[in-house]
Amino acid sequence: MYFLTGWPRRLLCPLRSEEEPFYIQPSSQRFYFAVLSETQLSIWFSRPSVLIVSYIESAKVAAQFGFYQKAEWKPDDSMIAVATAKGYILLFDVLGGGDDKYLYEPVYPKGSPRVKVTPGYKEEQCAPALSLEMKKPVDLEAPITR
């Protein structure tokens, strides 16, 4: 049995284009989720919902490979596979930010009981700085079905 623990929330998705997001895929560990539109892949941190990085496909490449359709995470969250309309799979490496440890770090007032009582609480609320790097596309020569 499931119980609601809060109200539904609306995700304000700041896409640079006029495209509407149509596919959301959480990572296996539920730290991140990927949001797809026709030519854009965005990675979000789950709690709080913060946009980490977006990859926007050029019009030339989108015409060659087709629009994005589905996404799937590698079990260790280090890579994302995106299936396209023309039968390609685009592999994206999810890389750590290097020197920039966190993209978002909450600031709590001094003496906050949450930070003192729960060890590691502040680190759990920090969104890491990540980047996306596209690896070579894979042509399946057959459509992907479920």
C-alpha atoms as a PDB file:
ATOM      1  CA  MET A   1       0.000   0.000   0.000  1.00  0.00           C
ATOM      2  CA  TYR A   2       1.236   3.487  -0.838  1.00  0.00           C
ATOM      3  CA  PHE A   3       0.580   6.723   0.987  1.00  0.00           C
ATOM      4  CA  LEU A   4       1.100  10.236  -0.290  1.00  0.00           C
ATOM      5  CA  THR A   5       3.847  12.058   1.560  1.00  0.00           C
ATOM      6  CA  GLY A   6       3.372  15.466  -0.020  1.00  0.00           C
ATOM      7  CA  TRP A   7       1.669  17.441  -2.712  1.00  0.00           C
ATOM      8  CA  PRO A   8       2.530  16.935  -6.384  1.00  0.00           C
ATOM      9  CA  ARG A   9       5.081  19.418  -7.670  1.00  0.00           C
ATOM     10  CA  ARG A  10       5.419  21.096 -11.026  1.00  0.00           C
ATOM     11  CA  LEU A  11       8.891  21.015 -12.518  1.00  0.00           C
ATOM     12  CA  LEU A  12       9.792  24.292 -14.188  1.00  0.00           C
ATOM     13  CA  CYS A  13      11.852  23.039 -17.109  1.00  0.00           C
ATOM     14  CA  PRO A  14      13.974  25.833 -18.594  1.00  0.00           C
ATOM     15  CA  LEU A  15      14.587  24.505 -22.097  1.00  0.00           C
ATOM     16  CA  ARG A  16      16.394  26.849 -24.466  1.00  0.00           C
ATOM     17  CA  SER A  17      14.127  25.914 -27.321  1.00  0.00           C
ATOM     18  CA  GLU A  18      10.367  25.837 -27.697  1.00  0.00           C
ATOM     19  CA  GLU A  19      10.335  22.029 -27.430  1.00  0.00           C
ATOM     20  CA  GLU A  20       8.231  20.380 -24.764  1.00  0.00           C
ATOM     21  CA  PRO A  21       9.867  17.677 -22.633  1.00  0.00           C
ATOM     22  CA  PHE A  22       8.173  14.314 -23.196  1.00  0.00           C
ATOM     23  CA  TYR A  23      10.281  11.669 -21.435  1.00  0.00           C
ATOM     24  CA  ILE A  24      11.642  11.479 -17.880  1.00  0.00           C
ATOM     25  CA  GLN A  25      13.938   8.645 -16.803  1.00  0.00           C
ATOM     26  CA  PRO A  26      15.277   8.402 -13.223  1.00  0.00           C
ATOM     27  CA  SER A  27      18.732   6.973 -12.604  1.00  0.00           C
ATOM     28  CA  SER A  28      18.944   3.567 -10.951  1.00  0.00           C
ATOM     29  CA  GLN A  29      19.976   5.086  -7.617  1.00  0.00           C
ATOM     30  CA  ARG A  30      17.361   7.873  -7.940  1.00  0.00           C
ATOM     31  CA  PHE A  31      19.922  10.659  -7.405  1.00  0.00           C
ATOM     32  CA  TYR A  32      19.362  12.082 -10.890  1.00  0.00           C
ATOM     33  CA  PHE A  33      16.761  12.045 -13.620  1.00  0.00           C
ATOM     34  CA  ALA A  34      17.084  12.664 -17.340  1.00  0.00           C
ATOM     35  CA  VAL A  35      14.568  14.809 -19.206  1.00  0.00           C
ATOM     36  CA  LEU A  36      14.263  14.437 -22.993  1.00  0.00           C
ATOM     37  CA  SER A  37      12.826  16.708 -25.620  1.00  0.00           C
ATOM     38  CA  GLU A  38      13.248  16.229 -29.382  1.00  0.00           C
ATOM     39  CA  THR A  39      16.824  17.551 -29.521  1.00  0.00           C
ATOM     40  CA  GLN A  40      17.793  18.149 -25.890  1.00  0.00           C
ATOM     41  CA  LEU A  41      18.948  15.930 -23.008  1.00  0.00           C
ATOM     42  CA  SER A  42      18.916  17.479 -19.531  1.00  0.00           C
ATOM     43  CA  ILE A  43      20.227  15.988 -16.294  1.00  0.00           C
ATOM     44  CA  TRP A  44      18.547  17.043 -13.051  1.00  0.00           C
ATOM     45  CA  PHE A  45      19.407  16.409  -9.413  1.00  0.00           C
ATOM     46  CA  SER A  46      16.489  14.814  -7.568  1.00  0.00           C
ATOM     47  CA  ARG A  47      16.452  16.531  -4.178  1.00  0.00           C
ATOM     48  CA  PRO A  48      16.145  19.429  -4.548  1.00  0.00           C
ATOM     49  CA  SER A  49      15.114  19.443  -8.210  1.00  0.00           C
ATOM     50  CA  VAL A  50      17.966  21.427  -9.732  1.00  0.00           C
ATOM     51  CA  LEU A  51      19.011  21.450 -13.394  1.00  0.00           C
ATOM     52  CA  ILE A  52      22.648  20.306 -13.582  1.00  0.00           C
ATOM     53  CA  VAL A  53      23.490  20.163 -17.295  1.00  0.00           C
ATOM     54  CA  SER A  54      21.821  20.188 -20.737  1.00  0.00           C
ATOM     55  CA  TYR A  55      23.040  18.880 -24.068  1.00  0.00           C
ATOM     56  CA  ILE A  56      21.417  20.464 -27.135  1.00  0.00           C
ATOM     57  CA  GLU A  57      21.786  18.726 -30.480  1.00  0.00           C
ATOM     58  CA  SER A  58      22.453  20.858 -33.545  1.00  0.00           C
ATOM     59  CA  ALA A  59      19.876  20.857 -36.358  1.00  0.00           C
ATOM     60  CA  LYS A  60      22.343  19.147 -38.722  1.00  0.00           C
ATOM     61  CA  VAL A  61      23.029  16.269 -36.323  1.00  0.00           C
ATOM     62  CA  ALA A  62      19.329  15.964 -35.420  1.00  0.00           C
ATOM     63  CA  ALA A  63      18.519  15.580 -39.137  1.00  0.00           C
ATOM     64  CA  GLN A  64      21.183  12.877 -39.449  1.00  0.00           C
ATOM     65  CA  PHE A  65      20.309  10.768 -36.364  1.00  0.00           C
ATOM     66  CA  GLY A  66      16.658  11.699 -35.806  1.00  0.00           C
ATOM     67  CA  PHE A  67      14.849  13.080 -32.791  1.00  0.00           C
ATOM     68  CA  TYR A  68      15.381  11.675 -29.295  1.00  0.00           C
ATOM     69  CA  GLN A  69      12.805   9.109 -28.186  1.00  0.00           C
ATOM     70  CA  LYS A  70      13.909   7.187 -25.073  1.00  0.00           C
ATOM     71  CA  ALA A  71      16.725   7.211 -22.539  1.00  0.00           C
ATOM     72  CA  GLU A  72      18.216   4.642 -20.199  1.00  0.00           C
ATOM     73  CA  TRP A  73      20.870   5.019 -17.485  1.00  0.00           C
ATOM     74  CA  LYS A  74      23.827   2.726 -16.932  1.00  0.00           C
ATOM     75  CA  PRO A  75      23.393   1.066 -13.490  1.00  0.00           C
ATOM     76  CA  ASP A  76      26.281   3.054 -11.952  1.00  0.00           C
ATOM     77  CA  ASP A  77      24.923   6.392 -13.338  1.00  0.00           C
ATOM     78  CA  SER A  78      28.100   7.012 -15.367  1.00  0.00           C
ATOM     79  CA  MET A  79      26.474   6.892 -18.818  1.00  0.00           C
ATOM     80  CA  ILE A  80      23.142   7.478 -20.572  1.00  0.00           C
ATOM     81  CA  ALA A  81      21.971   5.792 -23.776  1.00  0.00           C
ATOM     82  CA  VAL A  82      19.476   7.754 -25.890  1.00  0.00           C
ATOM     83  CA  ALA A  83      17.499   6.051 -28.661  1.00  0.00           C
ATOM     84  CA  THR A  84      16.647   8.169 -31.698  1.00  0.00           C
ATOM     85  CA  ALA A  85      13.865   8.028 -34.280  1.00  0.00           C
ATOM     86  CA  LYS A  86      16.189   6.809 -37.066  1.00  0.00           C
ATOM     87  CA  GLY A  87      17.441   3.756 -35.161  1.00  0.00           C
ATOM     88  CA  TYR A  88      20.597   5.177 -33.606  1.00  0.00           C
ATOM     89  CA  ILE A  89      21.704   4.929 -29.992  1.00  0.00           C
ATOM     90  CA  LEU A  90      23.678   7.906 -28.749  1.00  0.00           C
ATOM     91  CA  LEU A  91      25.922   7.202 -25.760  1.00  0.00           C
ATOM     92  CA  PHE A  92      26.648  10.054 -23.348  1.00  0.00           C
ATOM     93  CA  ASP A  93      29.313   9.951 -20.630  1.00  0.00           C
ATOM     94  CA  VAL A  94      28.248  11.642 -17.400  1.00  0.00           C
ATOM     95  CA  LEU A  95      31.448  13.194 -16.086  1.00  0.00           C
ATOM     96  CA  GLY A  96      32.179  14.786 -12.721  1.00  0.00           C
ATOM     97  CA  GLY A  97      32.805  18.507 -12.688  1.00  0.00           C
ATOM     98  CA  GLY A  98      36.462  18.263 -11.651  1.00  0.00           C
ATOM     99  CA  ASP A  99      37.455  21.314  -9.582  1.00  0.00           C
ATOM    100  CA  ASP A 100      33.863  22.485  -9.167  1.00  0.00           C
ATOM    101  CA  LYS A 101      32.653  20.013  -6.569  1.00  0.00           C
ATOM    102  CA  TYR A 102      29.062  21.222  -6.256  1.00  0.00           C
ATOM    103  CA  LEU A 103      26.762  23.136  -8.577  1.00  0.00           C
ATOM    104  CA  TYR A 104      24.250  23.823  -5.811  1.00  0.00           C
ATOM    105  CA  GLU A 105      24.995  23.862  -2.105  1.00  0.00           C
ATOM    106  CA  PRO A 106      22.327  24.833   0.445  1.00  0.00           C
ATOM    107  CA  VAL A 107      23.256  27.429   3.057  1.00  0.00           C
ATOM    108  CA  TYR A 108      21.811  26.793   6.494  1.00  0.00           C
ATOM    109  CA  PRO A 109      21.728  29.317   9.330  1.00  0.00           C
ATOM    110  CA  LYS A 110      24.309  28.846  12.068  1.00  0.00           C
ATOM    111  CA  GLY A 111      23.143  26.435  14.723  1.00  0.00           C
ATOM    112  CA  SER A 112      20.648  24.675  12.435  1.00  0.00           C
ATOM    113  CA  PRO A 113      19.523  21.445  14.160  1.00  0.00           C
ATOM    114  CA  ARG A 114      19.293  19.522  10.851  1.00  0.00           C
ATOM    115  CA  VAL A 115      22.972  19.899  10.073  1.00  0.00           C
ATOM    116  CA  LYS A 116      24.122  19.084  13.609  1.00  0.00           C
ATOM    117  CA  VAL A 117      21.858  16.098  14.282  1.00  0.00           C
ATOM    118  CA  THR A 118      22.083  14.238  10.972  1.00  0.00           C
ATOM    119  CA  PRO A 119      25.619  13.422   9.822  1.00  0.00           C
ATOM    120  CA  GLY A 120      26.035  13.831   6.055  1.00  0.00           C
ATOM    121  CA  TYR A 121      22.718  15.683   5.680  1.00  0.00           C
ATOM    122  CA  LYS A 122      24.263  18.760   4.066  1.00  0.00           C
ATOM    123  CA  GLU A 123      26.265  16.661   1.559  1.00  0.00           C
ATOM    124  CA  GLU A 124      23.102  14.768   0.526  1.00  0.00           C
ATOM    125  CA  GLN A 125      21.413  18.056  -0.396  1.00  0.00           C
ATOM    126  CA  CYS A 126      24.280  19.255  -2.628  1.00  0.00           C
ATOM    127  CA  ALA A 127      23.894  18.904  -6.403  1.00  0.00           C
ATOM    128  CA  PRO A 128      27.189  17.849  -8.001  1.00  0.00           C
ATOM    129  CA  ALA A 129      28.644  19.666 -10.990  1.00  0.00           C
ATOM    130  CA  LEU A 130      28.419  17.269 -13.956  1.00  0.00           C
ATOM    131  CA  SER A 131      29.017  17.467 -17.683  1.00  0.00           C
ATOM    132  CA  LEU A 132      27.796  15.426 -20.656  1.00  0.00           C
ATOM    133  CA  GLU A 133      30.070  14.185 -23.409  1.00  0.00           C
ATOM    134  CA  MET A 134      28.648  12.363 -26.424  1.00  0.00           C
ATOM    135  CA  LYS A 135      30.526   9.254 -27.474  1.00  0.00           C
ATOM    136  CA  LYS A 136      30.198   7.678 -30.905  1.00  0.00           C
ATOM    137  CA  PRO A 137      26.662   6.880 -32.106  1.00  0.00           C
ATOM    138  CA  VAL A 138      25.669   3.260 -32.672  1.00  0.00           C
ATOM    139  CA  ASP A 139      23.566   2.393 -35.747  1.00  0.00           C
ATOM    140  CA  LEU A 140      21.348  -0.604 -34.970  1.00  0.00           C
ATOM    141  CA  GLU A 141      19.967  -0.984 -38.510  1.00  0.00           C
ATOM    142  CA  ALA A 142      16.687  -2.052 -36.894  1.00  0.00           C
ATOM    143  CA  PRO A 143      14.087  -0.122 -34.884  1.00  0.00           C
ATOM    144  CA  ILE A 144      14.002  -0.419 -31.093  1.00  0.00           C
ATOM    145  CA  THR A 145      10.787  -1.849 -29.667  1.00  0.00           C
ATOM    146  CA  ARG A 146       9.731  -2.731 -26.163  1.00  0.00           C
END
